[in-house]
PDB file of N, CA and C in Angstrom:
ATOM      1  N   VAL A   1      -1.621 -15.317  -7.807  1.00  0.00           N
ATOM      2  CA  VAL A   1      -1.496 -14.620  -6.530  1.00  0.00           C
ATOM      3  C   VAL A   1      -2.768 -13.813  -6.289  1.00  0.00           C
ATOM      4  N   GLN A   2      -3.344 -13.975  -5.114  1.00  0.00           N
ATOM      5  CA  GLN A   2      -4.533 -13.202  -4.750  1.00  0.00           C
ATOM      6  C   GLN A   2      -4.182 -12.239  -3.624  1.00  0.00           C
ATOM      7  N   LEU A   3      -4.686 -11.020  -3.760  1.00  0.00           N
ATOM      8  CA  LEU A   3      -4.428  -9.996  -2.758  1.00  0.00           C
ATOM      9  C   LEU A   3      -5.759  -9.456  -2.259  1.00  0.00           C
ATOM     10  N   GLN A   4      -5.872  -9.303  -0.960  1.00  0.00           N
ATOM     11  CA  GLN A   4      -7.106  -8.803  -0.337  1.00  0.00           C
ATOM     12  C   GLN A   4      -6.735  -7.679   0.608  1.00  0.00           C
ATOM     13  N   ALA A   5      -7.106  -6.466   0.243  1.00  0.00           N
ATOM     14  CA  ALA A   5      -6.805  -5.301   1.069  1.00  0.00           C
ATOM     15  C   ALA A   5      -7.993  -4.957   1.946  1.00  0.00           C
ATOM     16  N   CYS A   6      -7.698  -4.454   3.129  1.00  0.00           N
ATOM     17  CA  CYS A   6      -8.747  -4.012   4.043  1.00  0.00           C
ATOM     18  C   CYS A   6      -8.171  -2.969   4.986  1.00  0.00           C
ATOM     19  N   GLY A   7      -9.044  -2.368   5.782  1.00  0.00           N
ATOM     20  CA  GLY A   7      -8.611  -1.412   6.785  1.00  0.00           C
ATOM     21  C   GLY A   7      -8.968   0.024   6.493  1.00  0.00           C
ATOM     22  N   GLY A   8      -9.532   0.274   5.317  1.00  0.00           N
ATOM     23  CA  GLY A   8      -9.929   1.626   4.989  1.00  0.00           C
ATOM     24  C   GLY A   8     -11.122   2.076   5.825  1.00  0.00           C
ATOM     25  N   GLY A   9     -11.430   3.353   5.727  1.00  0.00           N
ATOM     26  CA  GLY A   9     -12.559   3.877   6.470  1.00  0.00           C
ATOM     27  C   GLY A   9     -12.561   5.390   6.459  1.00  0.00           C
ATOM     28  N   LEU A  10     -13.405   5.943   7.305  1.00  0.00           N
ATOM     29  CA  LEU A  10     -13.528   7.390   7.434  1.00  0.00           C
ATOM     30  C   LEU A  10     -12.775   7.836   8.682  1.00  0.00           C
ATOM     31  N   VAL A  11     -11.915   8.818   8.526  1.00  0.00           N
ATOM     32  CA  VAL A  11     -11.118   9.320   9.636  1.00  0.00           C
ATOM     33  C   VAL A  11     -10.993  10.829   9.510  1.00  0.00           C
ATOM     34  N   GLN A  12     -10.868  11.495  10.641  1.00  0.00           N
ATOM     35  CA  GLN A  12     -10.677  12.940  10.624  1.00  0.00           C
ATOM     36  C   GLN A  12      -9.233  13.282  10.295  1.00  0.00           C
ATOM     37  N   ALA A  13      -9.045  14.464   9.761  1.00  0.00           N
ATOM     38  CA  ALA A  13      -7.694  14.939   9.476  1.00  0.00           C
ATOM     39  C   ALA A  13      -6.859  14.887  10.752  1.00  0.00           C
ATOM     40  N   GLY A  14      -5.623  14.420  10.591  1.00  0.00           N
ATOM     41  CA  GLY A  14      -4.741  14.243  11.723  1.00  0.00           C
ATOM     42  C   GLY A  14      -4.790  12.859  12.341  1.00  0.00           C
ATOM     43  N   GLY A  15      -5.773  12.085  11.948  1.00  0.00           N
ATOM     44  CA  GLY A  15      -5.932  10.744  12.492  1.00  0.00           C
ATOM     45  C   GLY A  15      -5.054   9.724  11.798  1.00  0.00           C
ATOM     46  N   SER A  16      -5.246   8.469  12.184  1.00  0.00           N
ATOM     47  CA  SER A  16      -4.426   7.374  11.670  1.00  0.00           C
ATOM     48  C   SER A  16      -5.300   6.220  11.207  1.00  0.00           C
ATOM     49  N   LEU A  17      -4.775   5.469  10.263  1.00  0.00           N
ATOM     50  CA  LEU A  17      -5.376   4.223   9.809  1.00  0.00           C
ATOM     51  C   LEU A  17      -4.259   3.244   9.489  1.00  0.00           C
ATOM     52  N   ARG A  18      -4.557   1.967   9.631  1.00  0.00           N
ATOM     53  CA  ARG A  18      -3.620   0.928   9.230  1.00  0.00           C
ATOM     54  C   ARG A  18      -4.283   0.038   8.198  1.00  0.00           C
ATOM     55  N   LEU A  19      -3.748   0.056   7.008  1.00  0.00           N
ATOM     56  CA  LEU A  19      -4.243  -0.818   5.957  1.00  0.00           C
ATOM     57  C   LEU A  19      -3.495  -2.144   6.001  1.00  0.00           C
ATOM     58  N   SER A  20      -4.218  -3.201   5.690  1.00  0.00           N
ATOM     59  CA  SER A  20      -3.625  -4.528   5.638  1.00  0.00           C
ATOM     60  C   SER A  20      -3.920  -5.156   4.284  1.00  0.00           C
ATOM     61  N   CYS A  21      -3.036  -6.022   3.855  1.00  0.00           N
ATOM     62  CA  CYS A  21      -3.220  -6.736   2.596  1.00  0.00           C
ATOM     63  C   CYS A  21      -2.774  -8.176   2.805  1.00  0.00           C
ATOM     64  N   ALA A  22      -3.704  -9.087   2.654  1.00  0.00           N
ATOM     65  CA  ALA A  22      -3.409 -10.510   2.783  1.00  0.00           C
ATOM     66  C   ALA A  22      -3.101 -11.074   1.401  1.00  0.00           C
ATOM     67  N   VAL A  23      -2.032 -11.842   1.303  1.00  0.00           N
ATOM     68  CA  VAL A  23      -1.575 -12.379   0.027  1.00  0.00           C
ATOM     69  C   VAL A  23      -1.591 -13.905   0.084  1.00  0.00           C
ATOM     70  N   SER A  24      -2.111 -14.517  -0.958  1.00  0.00           N
ATOM     71  CA  SER A  24      -2.153 -15.971  -1.012  1.00  0.00           C
ATOM     72  C   SER A  24      -1.886 -16.444  -2.434  1.00  0.00           C
ATOM     73  N   GLY A  25      -1.566 -17.701  -2.562  1.00  0.00           N
ATOM     74  CA  GLY A  25      -1.450 -18.309  -3.874  1.00  0.00           C
ATOM     75  C   GLY A  25      -0.039 -18.645  -4.320  1.00  0.00           C
ATOM     76  N   ARG A  26       0.934 -17.892  -3.860  1.00  0.00           N
ATOM     77  CA  ARG A  26       2.324 -18.160  -4.226  1.00  0.00           C
ATOM     78  C   ARG A  26       3.191 -17.883  -2.999  1.00  0.00           C
ATOM     79  N   THR A  27       4.475 -18.129  -3.134  1.00  0.00           N
ATOM     80  CA  THR A  27       5.399 -17.848  -2.031  1.00  0.00           C
ATOM     81  C   THR A  27       5.520 -16.347  -1.853  1.00  0.00           C
ATOM     82  N   PHE A  28       4.981 -15.863  -0.755  1.00  0.00           N
ATOM     83  CA  PHE A  28       4.875 -14.416  -0.524  1.00  0.00           C
ATOM     84  C   PHE A  28       6.235 -13.740  -0.557  1.00  0.00           C
ATOM     85  N   SER A  29       7.229 -14.372   0.024  1.00  0.00           N
ATOM     86  CA  SER A  29       8.540 -13.737   0.133  1.00  0.00           C
ATOM     87  C   SER A  29       9.261 -13.617  -1.212  1.00  0.00           C
ATOM     88  N   ASN A  30       8.677 -14.142  -2.276  1.00  0.00           N
ATOM     89  CA  ASN A  30       9.247 -13.980  -3.614  1.00  0.00           C
ATOM     90  C   ASN A  30       8.844 -12.667  -4.272  1.00  0.00           C
ATOM     91  N   TYR A  31       7.953 -11.918  -3.605  1.00  0.00           N
ATOM     92  CA  TYR A  31       7.375 -10.735  -4.226  1.00  0.00           C
ATOM     93  C   TYR A  31       7.695  -9.469  -3.455  1.00  0.00           C
ATOM     94  N   GLY A  32       8.116  -8.452  -4.216  1.00  0.00           N
ATOM     95  CA  GLY A  32       8.106  -7.117  -3.659  1.00  0.00           C
ATOM     96  C   GLY A  32       6.663  -6.634  -3.608  1.00  0.00           C
ATOM     97  N   MET A  33       6.377  -5.793  -2.645  1.00  0.00           N
ATOM     98  CA  MET A  33       5.005  -5.339  -2.444  1.00  0.00           C
ATOM     99  C   MET A  33       4.925  -3.821  -2.478  1.00  0.00           C
ATOM    100  N   GLY A  34       3.820  -3.334  -2.981  1.00  0.00           N
ATOM    101  CA  GLY A  34       3.623  -1.899  -3.048  1.00  0.00           C
ATOM    102  C   GLY A  34       2.208  -1.507  -2.686  1.00  0.00           C
ATOM    103  N   TRP A  35       2.077  -0.248  -2.296  1.00  0.00           N
ATOM    104  CA  TRP A  35       0.765   0.362  -2.105  1.00  0.00           C
ATOM    105  C   TRP A  35       0.640   1.527  -3.088  1.00  0.00           C
ATOM    106  N   PHE A  36      -0.503   1.606  -3.726  1.00  0.00           N
ATOM    107  CA  PHE A  36      -0.829   2.697  -4.621  1.00  0.00           C
ATOM    108  C   PHE A  36      -2.168   3.273  -4.195  1.00  0.00           C
ATOM    109  N   ARG A  37      -2.489   4.443  -4.720  1.00  0.00           N
ATOM    110  CA  ARG A  37      -3.800   5.014  -4.419  1.00  0.00           C
ATOM    111  C   ARG A  37      -4.323   5.755  -5.646  1.00  0.00           C
ATOM    112  N   GLN A  38      -5.641   5.859  -5.685  1.00  0.00           N
ATOM    113  CA  GLN A  38      -6.279   6.567  -6.785  1.00  0.00           C
ATOM    114  C   GLN A  38      -7.429   7.398  -6.235  1.00  0.00           C
ATOM    115  N   ALA A  39      -7.275   8.700  -6.366  1.00  0.00           N
ATOM    116  CA  ALA A  39      -8.315   9.628  -5.937  1.00  0.00           C
ATOM    117  C   ALA A  39      -9.295   9.836  -7.086  1.00  0.00           C
ATOM    118  N   PRO A  40     -10.510  10.255  -6.783  1.00  0.00           N
ATOM    119  CA  PRO A  40     -11.501  10.484  -7.838  1.00  0.00           C
ATOM    120  C   PRO A  40     -10.986  11.456  -8.891  1.00  0.00           C
ATOM    121  N   GLY A  41     -11.080  11.040 -10.143  1.00  0.00           N
ATOM    122  CA  GLY A  41     -10.672  11.895 -11.236  1.00  0.00           C
ATOM    123  C   GLY A  41      -9.184  11.998 -11.462  1.00  0.00           C
ATOM    124  N   LYS A  42      -8.424  11.224 -10.709  1.00  0.00           N
ATOM    125  CA  LYS A  42      -6.965  11.278 -10.845  1.00  0.00           C
ATOM    126  C   LYS A  42      -6.409   9.915 -11.223  1.00  0.00           C
ATOM    127  N   GLU A  43      -5.175   9.922 -11.679  1.00  0.00           N
ATOM    128  CA  GLU A  43      -4.508   8.667 -12.027  1.00  0.00           C
ATOM    129  C   GLU A  43      -4.025   7.962 -10.755  1.00  0.00           C
ATOM    130  N   ARG A  44      -3.840   6.679 -10.896  1.00  0.00           N
ATOM    131  CA  ARG A  44      -3.289   5.900  -9.794  1.00  0.00           C
ATOM    132  C   ARG A  44      -1.854   6.342  -9.538  1.00  0.00           C
ATOM    133  N   GLU A  45      -1.499   6.501  -8.277  1.00  0.00           N
ATOM    134  CA  GLU A  45      -0.159   6.964  -7.944  1.00  0.00           C
ATOM    135  C   GLU A  45       0.497   6.084  -6.892  1.00  0.00           C
ATOM    136  N   PHE A  46       1.799   6.038  -6.967  1.00  0.00           N
ATOM    137  CA  PHE A  46       2.606   5.259  -6.032  1.00  0.00           C
ATOM    138  C   PHE A  46       2.571   5.884  -4.644  1.00  0.00           C
ATOM    139  N   VAL A  47       2.512   5.016  -3.631  1.00  0.00           N
ATOM    140  CA  VAL A  47       2.562   5.473  -2.247  1.00  0.00           C
ATOM    141  C   VAL A  47       3.813   4.940  -1.549  1.00  0.00           C
ATOM    142  N   ALA A  48       3.998   3.626  -1.580  1.00  0.00           N
ATOM    143  CA  ALA A  48       5.128   3.023  -0.875  1.00  0.00           C
ATOM    144  C   ALA A  48       5.392   1.622  -1.415  1.00  0.00           C
ATOM    145  N   ALA A  49       6.624   1.166  -1.226  1.00  0.00           N
ATOM    146  CA  ALA A  49       7.001  -0.182  -1.631  1.00  0.00           C
ATOM    147  C   ALA A  49       7.962  -0.773  -0.617  1.00  0.00           C
ATOM    148  N   VAL A  50       7.956  -2.083  -0.539  1.00  0.00           N
ATOM    149  CA  VAL A  50       8.856  -2.790   0.379  1.00  0.00           C
ATOM    150  C   VAL A  50       9.444  -3.990  -0.347  1.00  0.00           C
ATOM    151  N   SER A  51      10.714  -4.241  -0.065  1.00  0.00           N
ATOM    152  CA  SER A  51      11.423  -5.336  -0.730  1.00  0.00           C
ATOM    153  C   SER A  51      10.941  -6.689  -0.220  1.00  0.00           C
ATOM    154  N   ARG A  52      11.416  -7.739  -0.843  1.00  0.00           N
ATOM    155  CA  ARG A  52      11.004  -9.091  -0.492  1.00  0.00           C
ATOM    156  C   ARG A  52      11.263  -9.413   0.981  1.00  0.00           C
ATOM    157  N   SER A  53      12.394  -8.981   1.463  1.00  0.00           N
ATOM    158  CA  SER A  53      12.759  -9.290   2.846  1.00  0.00           C
ATOM    159  C   SER A  53      12.161  -8.315   3.845  1.00  0.00           C
ATOM    160  N   GLY A  54      11.727  -7.171   3.328  1.00  0.00           N
ATOM    161  CA  GLY A  54      11.239  -6.117   4.215  1.00  0.00           C
ATOM    162  C   GLY A  54      12.320  -5.143   4.636  1.00  0.00           C
ATOM    163  N   GLY A  55      13.541  -5.385   4.201  1.00  0.00           N
ATOM    164  CA  GLY A  55      14.644  -4.561   4.654  1.00  0.00           C
ATOM    165  C   GLY A  55      14.808  -3.237   3.931  1.00  0.00           C
ATOM    166  N   ILE A  56      14.185  -3.119   2.774  1.00  0.00           N
ATOM    167  CA  ILE A  56      14.299  -1.884   1.986  1.00  0.00           C
ATOM    168  C   ILE A  56      12.902  -1.359   1.701  1.00  0.00           C
ATOM    169  N   THR A  57      12.723  -0.075   1.913  1.00  0.00           N
ATOM    170  CA  THR A  57      11.435   0.555   1.642  1.00  0.00           C
ATOM    171  C   THR A  57      11.647   1.809   0.792  1.00  0.00           C
ATOM    172  N   GLN A  58      10.578   2.206   0.139  1.00  0.00           N
ATOM    173  CA  GLN A  58      10.613   3.404  -0.693  1.00  0.00           C
ATOM    174  C   GLN A  58       9.259   4.082  -0.579  1.00  0.00           C
ATOM    175  N   TYR A  59       9.281   5.417  -0.550  1.00  0.00           N
ATOM    176  CA  TYR A  59       8.047   6.170  -0.344  1.00  0.00           C
ATOM    177  C   TYR A  59       7.921   7.298  -1.353  1.00  0.00           C
ATOM    178  N   ALA A  60       6.680   7.607  -1.689  1.00  0.00           N
ATOM    179  CA  ALA A  60       6.415   8.827  -2.421  1.00  0.00           C
ATOM    180  C   ALA A  60       6.688  10.000  -1.485  1.00  0.00           C
ATOM    181  N   ASP A  61       7.011  11.138  -2.065  1.00  0.00           N
ATOM    182  CA  ASP A  61       7.285  12.316  -1.233  1.00  0.00           C
ATOM    183  C   ASP A  61       6.101  12.646  -0.337  1.00  0.00           C
ATOM    184  N   SER A  62       4.905  12.431  -0.839  1.00  0.00           N
ATOM    185  CA  SER A  62       3.700  12.749  -0.070  1.00  0.00           C
ATOM    186  C   SER A  62       3.523  11.845   1.136  1.00  0.00           C
ATOM    187  N   ALA A  63       4.188  10.695   1.133  1.00  0.00           N
ATOM    188  CA  ALA A  63       4.046   9.723   2.214  1.00  0.00           C
ATOM    189  C   ALA A  63       5.199   9.744   3.208  1.00  0.00           C
ATOM    190  N   LYS A  64       6.300  10.298   2.817  1.00  0.00           N
ATOM    191  CA  LYS A  64       7.483  10.281   3.679  1.00  0.00           C
ATOM    192  C   LYS A  64       7.216  10.981   5.010  1.00  0.00           C
ATOM    193  N   GLY A  65       7.604  10.310   6.082  1.00  0.00           N
ATOM    194  CA  GLY A  65       7.446  10.879   7.406  1.00  0.00           C
ATOM    195  C   GLY A  65       6.077  10.667   8.022  1.00  0.00           C
ATOM    196  N   ARG A  66       5.112  10.215   7.218  1.00  0.00           N
ATOM    197  CA  ARG A  66       3.750   9.994   7.739  1.00  0.00           C
ATOM    198  C   ARG A  66       3.305   8.550   7.617  1.00  0.00           C
ATOM    199  N   PHE A  67       3.729   7.886   6.549  1.00  0.00           N
ATOM    200  CA  PHE A  67       3.301   6.510   6.274  1.00  0.00           C
ATOM    201  C   PHE A  67       4.468   5.559   6.477  1.00  0.00           C
ATOM    202  N   THR A  68       4.140   4.342   6.898  1.00  0.00           N
ATOM    203  CA  THR A  68       5.149   3.299   7.049  1.00  0.00           C
ATOM    204  C   THR A  68       4.632   2.010   6.440  1.00  0.00           C
ATOM    205  N   ILE A  69       5.395   1.460   5.503  1.00  0.00           N
ATOM    206  CA  ILE A  69       5.052   0.174   4.914  1.00  0.00           C
ATOM    207  C   ILE A  69       5.863  -0.908   5.614  1.00  0.00           C
ATOM    208  N   SER A  70       5.238  -2.037   5.845  1.00  0.00           N
ATOM    209  CA  SER A  70       5.936  -3.164   6.461  1.00  0.00           C
ATOM    210  C   SER A  70       5.301  -4.455   5.973  1.00  0.00           C
ATOM    211  N   ARG A  71       5.970  -5.560   6.238  1.00  0.00           N
ATOM    212  CA  ARG A  71       5.442  -6.845   5.813  1.00  0.00           C
ATOM    213  C   ARG A  71       5.790  -7.908   6.837  1.00  0.00           C
ATOM    214  N   ASP A  72       4.987  -8.948   6.843  1.00  0.00           N
ATOM    215  CA  ASP A  72       5.213 -10.098   7.710  1.00  0.00           C
ATOM    216  C   ASP A  72       5.232 -11.331   6.818  1.00  0.00           C
ATOM    217  N   ASN A  73       6.415 -11.868   6.583  1.00  0.00           N
ATOM    218  CA  ASN A  73       6.552 -12.987   5.654  1.00  0.00           C
ATOM    219  C   ASN A  73       6.117 -14.327   6.263  1.00  0.00           C
ATOM    220  N   VAL A  74       5.779 -14.316   7.516  1.00  0.00           N
ATOM    221  CA  VAL A  74       5.208 -15.519   8.138  1.00  0.00           C
ATOM    222  C   VAL A  74       3.695 -15.518   7.954  1.00  0.00           C
ATOM    223  N   LYS A  75       3.094 -14.362   8.154  1.00  0.00           N
ATOM    224  CA  LYS A  75       1.635 -14.236   8.025  1.00  0.00           C
ATOM    225  C   LYS A  75       1.188 -13.908   6.598  1.00  0.00           C
ATOM    226  N   ASN A  76       2.135 -13.681   5.692  1.00  0.00           N
ATOM    227  CA  ASN A  76       1.816 -13.309   4.303  1.00  0.00           C
ATOM    228  C   ASN A  76       0.973 -12.038   4.244  1.00  0.00           C
ATOM    229  N   MET A  77       1.437 -11.041   4.980  1.00  0.00           N
ATOM    230  CA  MET A  77       0.706  -9.788   5.075  1.00  0.00           C
ATOM    231  C   MET A  77       1.632  -8.617   4.769  1.00  0.00           C
ATOM    232  N   VAL A  78       1.052  -7.572   4.197  1.00  0.00           N
ATOM    233  CA  VAL A  78       1.753  -6.306   4.047  1.00  0.00           C
ATOM    234  C   VAL A  78       0.838  -5.231   4.629  1.00  0.00           C
ATOM    235  N   TYR A  79       1.451  -4.234   5.248  1.00  0.00           N
ATOM    236  CA  TYR A  79       0.715  -3.216   5.960  1.00  0.00           C
ATOM    237  C   TYR A  79       1.126  -1.823   5.499  1.00  0.00           C
ATOM    238  N   LEU A  80       0.219  -0.894   5.682  1.00  0.00           N
ATOM    239  CA  LEU A  80       0.522   0.512   5.475  1.00  0.00           C
ATOM    240  C   LEU A  80      -0.046   1.285   6.662  1.00  0.00           C
ATOM    241  N   GLN A  81       0.845   1.714   7.539  1.00  0.00           N
ATOM    242  CA  GLN A  81       0.441   2.541   8.672  1.00  0.00           C
ATOM    243  C   GLN A  81       0.443   3.982   8.214  1.00  0.00           C
ATOM    244  N   MET A  82      -0.696   4.631   8.343  1.00  0.00           N
ATOM    245  CA  MET A  82      -0.837   6.008   7.868  1.00  0.00           C
ATOM    246  C   MET A  82      -1.175   6.904   9.052  1.00  0.00           C
ATOM    247  N   ASN A  83      -0.294   7.844   9.315  1.00  0.00           N
ATOM    248  CA  ASN A  83      -0.483   8.798  10.416  1.00  0.00           C
ATOM    249  C   ASN A  83      -0.617  10.211   9.860  1.00  0.00           C
ATOM    250  N   SER A  84      -1.094  11.105  10.699  1.00  0.00           N
ATOM    251  CA  SER A  84      -1.239  12.516  10.311  1.00  0.00           C
ATOM    252  C   SER A  84      -1.947  12.652   8.969  1.00  0.00           C
ATOM    253  N   LEU A  85      -3.050  11.961   8.846  1.00  0.00           N
ATOM    254  CA  LEU A  85      -3.763  11.936   7.569  1.00  0.00           C
ATOM    255  C   LEU A  85      -4.328  13.302   7.219  1.00  0.00           C
ATOM    256  N   LYS A  86      -4.352  13.560   5.925  1.00  0.00           N
ATOM    257  CA  LYS A  86      -4.827  14.821   5.383  1.00  0.00           C
ATOM    258  C   LYS A  86      -5.993  14.560   4.429  1.00  0.00           C
ATOM    259  N   PRO A  87      -6.858  15.527   4.215  1.00  0.00           N
ATOM    260  CA  PRO A  87      -7.952  15.318   3.250  1.00  0.00           C
ATOM    261  C   PRO A  87      -7.453  14.893   1.874  1.00  0.00           C
ATOM    262  N   GLU A  88      -6.290  15.351   1.485  1.00  0.00           N
ATOM    263  CA  GLU A  88      -5.748  14.975   0.173  1.00  0.00           C
ATOM    264  C   GLU A  88      -5.273  13.530   0.111  1.00  0.00           C
ATOM    265  N   ASP A  89      -5.274  12.829   1.232  1.00  0.00           N
ATOM    266  CA  ASP A  89      -4.972  11.401   1.234  1.00  0.00           C
ATOM    267  C   ASP A  89      -6.201  10.564   0.885  1.00  0.00           C
ATOM    268  N   THR A  90      -7.339  11.204   0.747  1.00  0.00           N
ATOM    269  CA  THR A  90      -8.564  10.489   0.390  1.00  0.00           C
ATOM    270  C   THR A  90      -8.413   9.828  -0.973  1.00  0.00           C
ATOM    271  N   ALA A  91      -8.624   8.513  -1.006  1.00  0.00           N
ATOM    272  CA  ALA A  91      -8.444   7.746  -2.242  1.00  0.00           C
ATOM    273  C   ALA A  91      -8.807   6.294  -1.971  1.00  0.00           C
ATOM    274  N   VAL A  92      -8.892   5.537  -3.050  1.00  0.00           N
ATOM    275  CA  VAL A  92      -8.925   4.083  -2.935  1.00  0.00           C
ATOM    276  C   VAL A  92      -7.480   3.611  -2.932  1.00  0.00           C
ATOM    277  N   TYR A  93      -7.128   2.818  -1.942  1.00  0.00           N
ATOM    278  CA  TYR A  93      -5.764   2.323  -1.793  1.00  0.00           C
ATOM    279  C   TYR A  93      -5.689   0.869  -2.246  1.00  0.00           C
ATOM    280  N   TYR A  94      -4.678   0.582  -3.045  1.00  0.00           N
ATOM    281  CA  TYR A  94      -4.487  -0.751  -3.607  1.00  0.00           C
ATOM    282  C   TYR A  94      -3.144  -1.321  -3.179  1.00  0.00           C
ATOM    283  N   CYS A  95      -3.129  -2.591  -2.843  1.00  0.00           N
ATOM    284  CA  CYS A  95      -1.855  -3.278  -2.671  1.00  0.00           C
ATOM    285  C   CYS A  95      -1.538  -4.046  -3.949  1.00  0.00           C
ATOM    286  N   ALA A  96      -0.256  -4.223  -4.201  1.00  0.00           N
ATOM    287  CA  ALA A  96       0.175  -4.865  -5.432  1.00  0.00           C
ATOM    288  C   ALA A  96       1.445  -5.656  -5.182  1.00  0.00           C
ATOM    289  N   ALA A  97       1.651  -6.680  -6.008  1.00  0.00           N
ATOM    290  CA  ALA A  97       2.816  -7.547  -5.873  1.00  0.00           C
ATOM    291  C   ALA A  97       3.585  -7.599  -7.190  1.00  0.00           C
ATOM    292  N   GLU A  98       4.904  -7.613  -7.080  1.00  0.00           N
ATOM    293  CA  GLU A  98       5.741  -7.726  -8.277  1.00  0.00           C
ATOM    294  C   GLU A  98       6.846  -8.752  -8.030  1.00  0.00           C
ATOM    295  N   GLY A  99       7.191  -9.490  -9.064  1.00  0.00           N
ATOM    296  CA  GLY A  99       8.096 -10.620  -8.898  1.00  0.00           C
ATOM    297  C   GLY A  99       9.529 -10.393  -9.327  1.00  0.00           C
ATOM    298  N   SER A 100       9.896  -9.164  -9.692  1.00  0.00           N
ATOM    299  CA  SER A 100      11.240  -8.943 -10.224  1.00  0.00           C
ATOM    300  C   SER A 100      12.293  -8.796  -9.148  1.00  0.00           C
ATOM    301  N   GLY A 101      11.883  -8.452  -7.947  1.00  0.00           N
ATOM    302  CA  GLY A 101      12.845  -8.197  -6.887  1.00  0.00           C
ATOM    303  C   GLY A 101      13.387  -6.790  -6.878  1.00  0.00           C
ATOM    304  N   ILE A 102      12.877  -5.945  -7.774  1.00  0.00           N
ATOM    305  CA  ILE A 102      13.311  -4.556  -7.844  1.00  0.00           C
ATOM    306  C   ILE A 102      12.186  -3.678  -7.310  1.00  0.00           C
ATOM    307  N   LEU A 103      12.516  -2.794  -6.375  1.00  0.00           N
ATOM    308  CA  LEU A 103      11.491  -1.886  -5.874  1.00  0.00           C
ATOM    309  C   LEU A 103      11.028  -0.986  -7.012  1.00  0.00           C
ATOM    310  N   ARG A 104       9.750  -0.954  -7.235  1.00  0.00           N
ATOM    311  CA  ARG A 104       9.213  -0.207  -8.371  1.00  0.00           C
ATOM    312  C   ARG A 104       8.221   0.843  -7.907  1.00  0.00           C
ATOM    313  N   MET A 105       8.261   1.993  -8.543  1.00  0.00           N
ATOM    314  CA  MET A 105       7.327   3.064  -8.245  1.00  0.00           C
ATOM    315  C   MET A 105       6.265   3.194  -9.315  1.00  0.00           C
ATOM    316  N   SER A 106       6.417   2.468 -10.402  1.00  0.00           N
ATOM    317  CA  SER A 106       5.450   2.525 -11.473  1.00  0.00           C
ATOM    318  C   SER A 106       4.464   1.378 -11.364  1.00  0.00           C
ATOM    319  N   SER A 107       3.196   1.687 -11.525  1.00  0.00           N
ATOM    320  CA  SER A 107       2.176   0.649 -11.426  1.00  0.00           C
ATOM    321  C   SER A 107       2.332  -0.407 -12.502  1.00  0.00           C
ATOM    322  N   SER A 108       2.930  -0.053 -13.616  1.00  0.00           N
ATOM    323  CA  SER A 108       3.096  -1.006 -14.714  1.00  0.00           C
ATOM    324  C   SER A 108       4.069  -2.117 -14.354  1.00  0.00           C
ATOM    325  N   GLY A 109       4.854  -1.917 -13.313  1.00  0.00           N
ATOM    326  CA  GLY A 109       5.815  -2.927 -12.902  1.00  0.00           C
ATOM    327  C   GLY A 109       5.247  -4.002 -11.996  1.00  0.00           C
ATOM    328  N   TYR A 110       3.991  -3.883 -11.640  1.00  0.00           N
ATOM    329  CA  TYR A 110       3.373  -4.813 -10.711  1.00  0.00           C
ATOM    330  C   TYR A 110       2.485  -5.811 -11.452  1.00  0.00           C
ATOM    331  N   ASP A 111       2.554  -7.044 -10.984  1.00  0.00           N
ATOM    332  CA  ASP A 111       1.896  -8.135 -11.696  1.00  0.00           C
ATOM    333  C   ASP A 111       0.508  -8.454 -11.162  1.00  0.00           C
ATOM    334  N   TYR A 112       0.316  -8.246  -9.873  1.00  0.00           N
ATOM    335  CA  TYR A 112      -0.938  -8.637  -9.232  1.00  0.00           C
ATOM    336  C   TYR A 112      -1.451  -7.484  -8.368  1.00  0.00           C
ATOM    337  N   TRP A 113      -2.775  -7.367  -8.333  1.00  0.00           N
ATOM    338  CA  TRP A 113      -3.406  -6.257  -7.623  1.00  0.00           C
ATOM    339  C   TRP A 113      -4.553  -6.744  -6.758  1.00  0.00           C
ATOM    340  N   GLY A 114      -4.711  -6.080  -5.615  1.00  0.00           N
ATOM    341  CA  GLY A 114      -5.881  -6.310  -4.792  1.00  0.00           C
ATOM    342  C   GLY A 114      -7.040  -5.452  -5.267  1.00  0.00           C
ATOM    343  N   GLN A 115      -8.163  -5.566  -4.603  1.00  0.00           N
ATOM    344  CA  GLN A 115      -9.386  -4.909  -5.052  1.00  0.00           C
ATOM    345  C   GLN A 115      -9.504  -3.465  -4.581  1.00  0.00           C
ATOM    346  N   GLY A 116      -8.689  -3.043  -3.650  1.00  0.00           N
ATOM    347  CA  GLY A 116      -8.739  -1.671  -3.166  1.00  0.00           C
ATOM    348  C   GLY A 116      -9.579  -1.505  -1.923  1.00  0.00           C
ATOM    349  N   THR A 117      -9.183  -0.538  -1.113  1.00  0.00           N
ATOM    350  CA  THR A 117      -9.939  -0.201   0.083  1.00  0.00           C
ATOM    351  C   THR A 117     -10.001   1.326   0.179  1.00  0.00           C
ATOM    352  N   LEU A 118     -11.184   1.841   0.472  1.00  0.00           N
ATOM    353  CA  LEU A 118     -11.406   3.279   0.423  1.00  0.00           C
ATOM    354  C   LEU A 118     -11.011   3.945   1.732  1.00  0.00           C
ATOM    355  N   VAL A 119     -10.202   4.983   1.601  1.00  0.00           N
ATOM    356  CA  VAL A 119      -9.822   5.821   2.736  1.00  0.00           C
ATOM    357  C   VAL A 119     -10.398   7.213   2.500  1.00  0.00           C
ATOM    358  N   THR A 120     -11.169   7.696   3.455  1.00  0.00           N
ATOM    359  CA  THR A 120     -11.749   9.028   3.369  1.00  0.00           C
ATOM    360  C   THR A 120     -11.306   9.828   4.575  1.00  0.00           C
ATOM    361  N   VAL A 121     -10.674  10.964   4.320  1.00  0.00           N
ATOM    362  CA  VAL A 121     -10.181  11.820   5.395  1.00  0.00           C
ATOM    363  C   VAL A 121     -10.991  13.114   5.378  1.00  0.00           C
ATOM    364  N   SER A 122     -11.690  13.366   6.450  1.00  0.00           N
ATOM    365  CA  SER A 122     -12.520  14.562   6.531  1.00  0.00           C
ATOM    366  C   SER A 122     -11.753  15.704   7.177  1.00  0.00           C
ATOM    367  N   SER A 123     -12.074  16.902   6.750  1.00  0.00           N
ATOM    368  CA  SER A 123     -11.360  18.083   7.266  1.00  0.00           C
ATOM    369  C   SER A 123     -12.035  18.634   8.506  1.00  0.00           C
TER     370      SER A 123
END
């Protein structure tokens, strides 16, 4: 499975960005999908996850109410809409795929990873 994330960039605090992740190589709908992020000097942390069908989502507390994860099983894409961005959201964002069918918040539960896309939020 190959994952390609894009959509990062520089945005002012309070602004919005939409990250996209294109998935290829296997049947996309067989995989739960997640977004993680890693800020400089910090460990990678969970942001959001979506079930195979897209019907169930899970968010980190820091993302609730501001971020929305979604997927398109026809286009083999997963998205992360990020609103009301804060400087503390600055990080490299990674999309990941897992084949168990269980929504996971731990990075160790994911089998495949994209290369990451940098989000920088200025104050």
